[in-house]
Amino acid sequence: MNKKTCFTAGLLVCVVVLGFVSLRTYEKRKPLIFSESLEEVVATVDDRPLRLKDLAFYVAYQEKSVQEQAIVYDPESPQRYWNVLVNGKFIRKEAKDAVLEMAIHDEVFYRMALSEGVKLDTEEEQYCKNEISDFCSDLDEEQFAALGVTEQEIGETMYRIALANKYQSSLAEREKLPYVDYNFDGEAYQMILASHTYTIEEDIAGRISVGSITLNH
């Protein structure tokens, strides 16, 4: 094999390798189609997986909340707000981080509630049902389709959150601390979280496009 042939073969190998690397990089950065990726594990809390379908409620809730602020910021072009940089972080990234942090927080407190036998009373059950009904009625068919989950599945998540919230309330009362100290960004909660193990699958989390799942800009 002459030098020219060797050079050509080597160049071809480099092109193939670079092409493969570029494709892998693109796939890792390409936003997920949420409704088609529901079984993807995005985080693990104490060896229990949290899949994208477990985040559906949080995505819908966070997109609705931030979009309300976006409309105030720019009624004619609210999507601009999602790309605003605040304290070194884009609103879109901050919203996604909140989705993950809330889901992990609620999983921790839900499990703690179960371990202590916490249950909703009749009045709390009814309140939870009303909240589920109100929340789901605000989602149209296209938004449910984008999330890929049913009203029942949203309701199941909200029920777990209700138990987690009840446990948080009782814990705050027991420890004589404000309820908010046990929110996902609270110092008291962070101390509890330190005693648990959790991981976030960045390859999946990095591809969740919060702000563009139930919203059409």
C-alpha atoms as a PDB file:
ATOM      1  CA  MET A   1       0.000   0.000   0.000  1.00  0.00           C
ATOM      2  CA  ASN A   2       1.589   3.311  -1.060  1.00  0.00           C
ATOM      3  CA  LYS A   3       1.703   6.469   1.055  1.00  0.00           C
ATOM      4  CA  LYS A   4      -1.154   8.121  -0.819  1.00  0.00           C
ATOM      5  CA  THR A   5      -3.415   5.099  -0.254  1.00  0.00           C
ATOM      6  CA  CYS A   6      -2.455   4.961   3.433  1.00  0.00           C
ATOM      7  CA  PHE A   7      -3.207   8.652   3.822  1.00  0.00           C
ATOM      8  CA  THR A   8      -6.596   8.281   2.095  1.00  0.00           C
ATOM      9  CA  ALA A   9      -7.505   5.269   4.241  1.00  0.00           C
ATOM     10  CA  GLY A  10      -6.454   7.067   7.408  1.00  0.00           C
ATOM     11  CA  LEU A  11      -8.447  10.151   6.426  1.00  0.00           C
ATOM     12  CA  LEU A  12     -11.492   8.002   5.759  1.00  0.00           C
ATOM     13  CA  VAL A  13     -11.205   6.397   9.193  1.00  0.00           C
ATOM     14  CA  CYS A  14     -10.952   9.839  10.810  1.00  0.00           C
ATOM     15  CA  VAL A  15     -14.032  11.055   8.945  1.00  0.00           C
ATOM     16  CA  VAL A  16     -16.007   7.994  10.034  1.00  0.00           C
ATOM     17  CA  VAL A  17     -14.910   8.367  13.666  1.00  0.00           C
ATOM     18  CA  LEU A  18     -15.658  12.090  13.715  1.00  0.00           C
ATOM     19  CA  GLY A  19     -19.025  11.461  12.126  1.00  0.00           C
ATOM     20  CA  PHE A  20     -19.872   8.868  14.769  1.00  0.00           C
ATOM     21  CA  VAL A  21     -18.764  11.172  17.602  1.00  0.00           C
ATOM     22  CA  SER A  22     -20.786  14.051  16.132  1.00  0.00           C
ATOM     23  CA  LEU A  23     -23.861  11.842  15.857  1.00  0.00           C
ATOM     24  CA  ARG A  24     -23.490  10.682  19.467  1.00  0.00           C
ATOM     25  CA  THR A  25     -23.057  14.274  20.644  1.00  0.00           C
ATOM     26  CA  TYR A  26     -26.126  15.362  18.682  1.00  0.00           C
ATOM     27  CA  GLU A  27     -28.216  12.524  20.118  1.00  0.00           C
ATOM     28  CA  LYS A  28     -27.169  13.461  23.661  1.00  0.00           C
ATOM     29  CA  ARG A  29     -28.185  17.081  23.129  1.00  0.00           C
ATOM     30  CA  LYS A  30     -31.305  16.544  21.047  1.00  0.00           C
ATOM     31  CA  PRO A  31     -34.422  17.412  23.091  1.00  0.00           C
ATOM     32  CA  LEU A  32     -36.497  14.401  24.064  1.00  0.00           C
ATOM     33  CA  ILE A  33     -40.022  13.973  22.789  1.00  0.00           C
ATOM     34  CA  PHE A  34     -41.498  13.791  26.271  1.00  0.00           C
ATOM     35  CA  SER A  35     -44.538  11.663  25.442  1.00  0.00           C
ATOM     36  CA  GLU A  36     -42.340   9.084  23.701  1.00  0.00           C
ATOM     37  CA  SER A  37     -39.775   8.849  26.498  1.00  0.00           C
ATOM     38  CA  LEU A  38     -41.924   8.239  29.565  1.00  0.00           C
ATOM     39  CA  GLU A  39     -40.020   5.164  30.733  1.00  0.00           C
ATOM     40  CA  GLU A  40     -36.646   6.899  30.677  1.00  0.00           C
ATOM     41  CA  VAL A  41     -35.158   7.087  34.174  1.00  0.00           C
ATOM     42  CA  VAL A  42     -34.248  10.690  34.926  1.00  0.00           C
ATOM     43  CA  ALA A  43     -33.306  10.316  38.594  1.00  0.00           C
ATOM     44  CA  THR A  44     -32.925   7.733  41.326  1.00  0.00           C
ATOM     45  CA  VAL A  45     -33.858   8.384  44.945  1.00  0.00           C
ATOM     46  CA  ASP A  46     -32.751   5.795  47.497  1.00  0.00           C
ATOM     47  CA  ASP A  47     -32.541   3.215  44.692  1.00  0.00           C
ATOM     48  CA  ARG A  48     -36.079   4.035  43.507  1.00  0.00           C
ATOM     49  CA  PRO A  49     -36.218   5.262  39.903  1.00  0.00           C
ATOM     50  CA  LEU A  50     -38.055   8.417  38.900  1.00  0.00           C
ATOM     51  CA  ARG A  51     -39.111   8.181  35.262  1.00  0.00           C
ATOM     52  CA  LEU A  52     -40.187  10.960  32.969  1.00  0.00           C
ATOM     53  CA  LYS A  53     -43.829   9.956  33.444  1.00  0.00           C
ATOM     54  CA  ASP A  54     -43.355  10.654  37.174  1.00  0.00           C
ATOM     55  CA  LEU A  55     -42.372  14.210  36.243  1.00  0.00           C
ATOM     56  CA  ALA A  56     -45.375  14.914  34.010  1.00  0.00           C
ATOM     57  CA  PHE A  57     -47.340  16.789  36.673  1.00  0.00           C
ATOM     58  CA  TYR A  58     -44.313  18.868  37.663  1.00  0.00           C
ATOM     59  CA  VAL A  59     -43.620  19.794  34.040  1.00  0.00           C
ATOM     60  CA  ALA A  60     -47.208  20.918  33.489  1.00  0.00           C
ATOM     61  CA  TYR A  61     -47.289  22.790  36.807  1.00  0.00           C
ATOM     62  CA  GLN A  62     -43.983  24.550  36.253  1.00  0.00           C
ATOM     63  CA  GLU A  63     -44.705  25.487  32.656  1.00  0.00           C
ATOM     64  CA  LYS A  64     -48.064  26.944  33.670  1.00  0.00           C
ATOM     65  CA  SER A  65     -46.529  28.922  36.559  1.00  0.00           C
ATOM     66  CA  VAL A  66     -43.623  30.340  34.572  1.00  0.00           C
ATOM     67  CA  GLN A  67     -45.808  31.076  31.550  1.00  0.00           C
ATOM     68  CA  GLU A  68     -48.031  33.263  33.721  1.00  0.00           C
ATOM     69  CA  GLN A  69     -44.950  35.317  34.607  1.00  0.00           C
ATOM     70  CA  ALA A  70     -43.869  35.302  30.959  1.00  0.00           C
ATOM     71  CA  ILE A  71     -47.172  36.807  29.823  1.00  0.00           C
ATOM     72  CA  VAL A  72     -46.763  39.634  32.339  1.00  0.00           C
ATOM     73  CA  TYR A  73     -43.173  40.165  31.155  1.00  0.00           C
ATOM     74  CA  ASP A  74     -44.079  40.297  27.470  1.00  0.00           C
ATOM     75  CA  PRO A  75     -47.751  39.746  26.567  1.00  0.00           C
ATOM     76  CA  GLU A  76     -47.039  39.754  22.816  1.00  0.00           C
ATOM     77  CA  SER A  77     -44.025  37.442  22.914  1.00  0.00           C
ATOM     78  CA  PRO A  78     -43.961  35.542  26.223  1.00  0.00           C
ATOM     79  CA  GLN A  79     -41.440  32.996  24.931  1.00  0.00           C
ATOM     80  CA  ARG A  80     -38.747  35.667  25.295  1.00  0.00           C
ATOM     81  CA  TYR A  81     -39.057  35.412  29.066  1.00  0.00           C
ATOM     82  CA  TRP A  82     -37.981  31.757  29.039  1.00  0.00           C
ATOM     83  CA  ASN A  83     -34.579  32.805  27.690  1.00  0.00           C
ATOM     84  CA  VAL A  84     -33.986  35.607  30.178  1.00  0.00           C
ATOM     85  CA  LEU A  85     -30.786  35.253  32.209  1.00  0.00           C
ATOM     86  CA  VAL A  86     -31.264  35.735  35.964  1.00  0.00           C
ATOM     87  CA  ASN A  87     -28.390  35.368  38.428  1.00  0.00           C
ATOM     88  CA  GLY A  88     -26.353  33.498  35.849  1.00  0.00           C
ATOM     89  CA  LYS A  89     -29.077  31.001  34.962  1.00  0.00           C
ATOM     90  CA  PHE A  90     -31.664  31.049  32.178  1.00  0.00           C
ATOM     91  CA  ILE A  91     -35.306  30.946  33.280  1.00  0.00           C
ATOM     92  CA  ARG A  92     -35.770  27.800  31.181  1.00  0.00           C
ATOM     93  CA  LYS A  93     -32.930  26.013  33.020  1.00  0.00           C
ATOM     94  CA  GLU A  94     -34.159  27.252  36.376  1.00  0.00           C
ATOM     95  CA  ALA A  95     -37.629  25.875  35.633  1.00  0.00           C
ATOM     96  CA  LYS A  96     -36.224  22.476  34.692  1.00  0.00           C
ATOM     97  CA  ASP A  97     -34.088  22.348  37.822  1.00  0.00           C
ATOM     98  CA  ALA A  98     -37.177  23.154  39.893  1.00  0.00           C
ATOM     99  CA  VAL A  99     -39.078  20.276  38.256  1.00  0.00           C
ATOM    100  CA  LEU A 100     -36.346  17.813  39.218  1.00  0.00           C
ATOM    101  CA  GLU A 101     -35.833  19.213  42.707  1.00  0.00           C
ATOM    102  CA  MET A 102     -39.557  19.213  43.505  1.00  0.00           C
ATOM    103  CA  ALA A 103     -39.940  15.636  42.292  1.00  0.00           C
ATOM    104  CA  ILE A 104     -37.006  14.450  44.423  1.00  0.00           C
ATOM    105  CA  HIS A 105     -38.272  16.408  47.434  1.00  0.00           C
ATOM    106  CA  ASP A 106     -41.739  14.908  47.177  1.00  0.00           C
ATOM    107  CA  GLU A 107     -40.390  11.392  46.698  1.00  0.00           C
ATOM    108  CA  VAL A 108     -38.314  11.711  49.878  1.00  0.00           C
ATOM    109  CA  PHE A 109     -41.201  13.068  51.947  1.00  0.00           C
ATOM    110  CA  TYR A 110     -43.730  10.673  50.426  1.00  0.00           C
ATOM    111  CA  ARG A 111     -41.620   7.701  51.488  1.00  0.00           C
ATOM    112  CA  MET A 112     -41.141   9.182  54.947  1.00  0.00           C
ATOM    113  CA  ALA A 113     -44.906   9.683  55.185  1.00  0.00           C
ATOM    114  CA  LEU A 114     -45.528   6.052  54.264  1.00  0.00           C
ATOM    115  CA  SER A 115     -42.977   4.833  56.802  1.00  0.00           C
ATOM    116  CA  GLU A 116     -44.819   6.711  59.545  1.00  0.00           C
ATOM    117  CA  GLY A 117     -48.262   5.636  58.397  1.00  0.00           C
ATOM    118  CA  VAL A 118     -49.416   9.120  57.392  1.00  0.00           C
ATOM    119  CA  LYS A 119     -52.790   9.143  55.639  1.00  0.00           C
ATOM    120  CA  LEU A 120     -55.187  11.783  54.377  1.00  0.00           C
ATOM    121  CA  ASP A 121     -58.392  12.195  56.334  1.00  0.00           C
ATOM    122  CA  THR A 122     -61.783  12.460  54.628  1.00  0.00           C
ATOM    123  CA  GLU A 123     -61.642  16.231  54.301  1.00  0.00           C
ATOM    124  CA  GLU A 124     -58.100  16.130  52.938  1.00  0.00           C
ATOM    125  CA  GLU A 125     -59.051  13.399  50.483  1.00  0.00           C
ATOM    126  CA  GLN A 126     -61.861  15.532  49.121  1.00  0.00           C
ATOM    127  CA  TYR A 127     -59.650  18.606  48.909  1.00  0.00           C
ATOM    128  CA  CYS A 128     -57.073  16.585  46.990  1.00  0.00           C
ATOM    129  CA  LYS A 129     -59.715  15.320  44.576  1.00  0.00           C
ATOM    130  CA  ASN A 130     -60.881  18.875  43.953  1.00  0.00           C
ATOM    131  CA  GLU A 131     -57.304  20.008  43.311  1.00  0.00           C
ATOM    132  CA  ILE A 132     -56.786  17.169  40.847  1.00  0.00           C
ATOM    133  CA  SER A 133     -60.004  18.011  39.037  1.00  0.00           C
ATOM    134  CA  ASP A 134     -59.158  21.720  38.841  1.00  0.00           C
ATOM    135  CA  PHE A 135     -55.613  21.110  37.641  1.00  0.00           C
ATOM    136  CA  CYS A 136     -56.604  18.588  34.985  1.00  0.00           C
ATOM    137  CA  SER A 137     -59.446  20.751  33.721  1.00  0.00           C
ATOM    138  CA  ASP A 138     -56.875  23.414  32.874  1.00  0.00           C
ATOM    139  CA  LEU A 139     -55.040  20.995  30.566  1.00  0.00           C
ATOM    140  CA  ASP A 140     -56.424  20.520  27.084  1.00  0.00           C
ATOM    141  CA  GLU A 141     -56.184  17.387  24.926  1.00  0.00           C
ATOM    142  CA  GLU A 142     -53.044  18.592  23.166  1.00  0.00           C
ATOM    143  CA  GLN A 143     -51.289  19.205  26.457  1.00  0.00           C
ATOM    144  CA  PHE A 144     -52.237  15.767  27.789  1.00  0.00           C
ATOM    145  CA  ALA A 145     -50.983  14.287  24.522  1.00  0.00           C
ATOM    146  CA  ALA A 146     -47.694  16.188  24.851  1.00  0.00           C
ATOM    147  CA  LEU A 147     -47.251  14.837  28.374  1.00  0.00           C
ATOM    148  CA  GLY A 148     -48.270  11.325  27.344  1.00  0.00           C
ATOM    149  CA  VAL A 149     -50.088  10.627  30.602  1.00  0.00           C
ATOM    150  CA  THR A 150     -53.710  10.328  31.681  1.00  0.00           C
ATOM    151  CA  GLU A 151     -55.744  12.320  34.179  1.00  0.00           C
ATOM    152  CA  GLN A 152     -55.575   9.315  36.489  1.00  0.00           C
ATOM    153  CA  GLU A 153     -51.774   9.314  36.383  1.00  0.00           C
ATOM    154  CA  ILE A 154     -51.659  13.039  37.095  1.00  0.00           C
ATOM    155  CA  GLY A 155     -54.035  12.393  39.982  1.00  0.00           C
ATOM    156  CA  GLU A 156     -51.829   9.665  41.407  1.00  0.00           C
ATOM    157  CA  THR A 157     -48.857  12.022  41.438  1.00  0.00           C
ATOM    158  CA  MET A 158     -50.883  14.765  43.093  1.00  0.00           C
ATOM    159  CA  TYR A 159     -52.103  12.323  45.748  1.00  0.00           C
ATOM    160  CA  ARG A 160     -48.502  11.406  46.561  1.00  0.00           C
ATOM    161  CA  ILE A 161     -47.682  15.108  46.765  1.00  0.00           C
ATOM    162  CA  ALA A 162     -50.593  15.636  49.166  1.00  0.00           C
ATOM    163  CA  LEU A 163     -49.181  12.956  51.469  1.00  0.00           C
ATOM    164  CA  ALA A 164     -45.705  14.471  51.185  1.00  0.00           C
ATOM    165  CA  ASN A 165     -47.095  17.915  52.023  1.00  0.00           C
ATOM    166  CA  LYS A 166     -48.960  16.575  55.040  1.00  0.00           C
ATOM    167  CA  TYR A 167     -45.806  14.949  56.314  1.00  0.00           C
ATOM    168  CA  GLN A 168     -43.852  18.158  55.704  1.00  0.00           C
ATOM    169  CA  SER A 169     -46.435  20.120  57.682  1.00  0.00           C
ATOM    170  CA  SER A 170     -46.352  17.714  60.636  1.00  0.00           C
ATOM    171  CA  LEU A 171     -42.544  17.642  60.585  1.00  0.00           C
ATOM    172  CA  ALA A 172     -42.320  21.441  60.607  1.00  0.00           C
ATOM    173  CA  GLU A 173     -44.769  21.582  63.510  1.00  0.00           C
ATOM    174  CA  ARG A 174     -42.867  18.884  65.393  1.00  0.00           C
ATOM    175  CA  GLU A 175     -39.524  20.608  64.870  1.00  0.00           C
ATOM    176  CA  LYS A 176     -41.038  24.056  65.505  1.00  0.00           C
ATOM    177  CA  LEU A 177     -39.737  25.383  62.188  1.00  0.00           C
ATOM    178  CA  PRO A 178     -41.514  27.268  59.400  1.00  0.00           C
ATOM    179  CA  TYR A 179     -43.114  25.030  56.766  1.00  0.00           C
ATOM    180  CA  VAL A 180     -41.047  26.693  54.031  1.00  0.00           C
ATOM    181  CA  ASP A 181     -37.814  25.555  55.687  1.00  0.00           C
ATOM    182  CA  TYR A 182     -38.726  22.093  54.425  1.00  0.00           C
ATOM    183  CA  ASN A 183     -39.436  23.185  50.852  1.00  0.00           C
ATOM    184  CA  PHE A 184     -37.092  21.812  48.206  1.00  0.00           C
ATOM    185  CA  ASP A 185     -34.839  24.859  48.543  1.00  0.00           C
ATOM    186  CA  GLY A 186     -35.101  25.057  52.346  1.00  0.00           C
ATOM    187  CA  GLU A 187     -32.146  24.560  54.662  1.00  0.00           C
ATOM    188  CA  ALA A 188     -33.917  22.063  56.921  1.00  0.00           C
ATOM    189  CA  TYR A 189     -34.887  19.916  53.940  1.00  0.00           C
ATOM    190  CA  GLN A 190     -31.349  20.014  52.590  1.00  0.00           C
ATOM    191  CA  MET A 191     -30.158  18.493  55.873  1.00  0.00           C
ATOM    192  CA  ILE A 192     -32.677  15.660  55.457  1.00  0.00           C
ATOM    193  CA  LEU A 193     -31.731  15.176  51.814  1.00  0.00           C
ATOM    194  CA  ALA A 194     -28.085  14.751  52.847  1.00  0.00           C
ATOM    195  CA  SER A 195     -29.063  11.526  54.618  1.00  0.00           C
ATOM    196  CA  HIS A 196     -30.544  10.103  51.406  1.00  0.00           C
ATOM    197  CA  THR A 197     -28.875   9.016  48.205  1.00  0.00           C
ATOM    198  CA  TYR A 198     -29.989  10.410  44.884  1.00  0.00           C
ATOM    199  CA  THR A 199     -28.588  10.757  41.403  1.00  0.00           C
ATOM    200  CA  ILE A 200     -29.756  12.660  38.343  1.00  0.00           C
ATOM    201  CA  GLU A 201     -29.233  11.115  34.932  1.00  0.00           C
ATOM    202  CA  GLU A 202     -27.806  14.148  33.163  1.00  0.00           C
ATOM    203  CA  ASP A 203     -27.991  12.511  29.713  1.00  0.00           C
ATOM    204  CA  ILE A 204     -31.769  12.425  30.138  1.00  0.00           C
ATOM    205  CA  ALA A 205     -32.309  15.503  32.298  1.00  0.00           C
ATOM    206  CA  GLY A 206     -30.260  17.628  29.916  1.00  0.00           C
ATOM    207  CA  ARG A 207     -32.635  16.797  27.071  1.00  0.00           C
ATOM    208  CA  ILE A 208     -35.885  17.743  28.828  1.00  0.00           C
ATOM    209  CA  SER A 209     -37.056  20.952  27.207  1.00  0.00           C
ATOM    210  CA  VAL A 210     -39.144  22.512  29.976  1.00  0.00           C
ATOM    211  CA  GLY A 211     -40.956  25.470  28.471  1.00  0.00           C
ATOM    212  CA  SER A 212     -41.690  23.686  25.202  1.00  0.00           C
ATOM    213  CA  ILE A 213     -43.624  20.576  26.239  1.00  0.00           C
ATOM    214  CA  THR A 214     -47.175  21.699  26.990  1.00  0.00           C
ATOM    215  CA  LEU A 215     -46.623  25.175  25.547  1.00  0.00           C
ATOM    216  CA  ASN A 216     -46.721  26.171  21.883  1.00  0.00           C
ATOM    217  CA  HIS A 217     -44.715  29.346  21.401  1.00  0.00           C
END
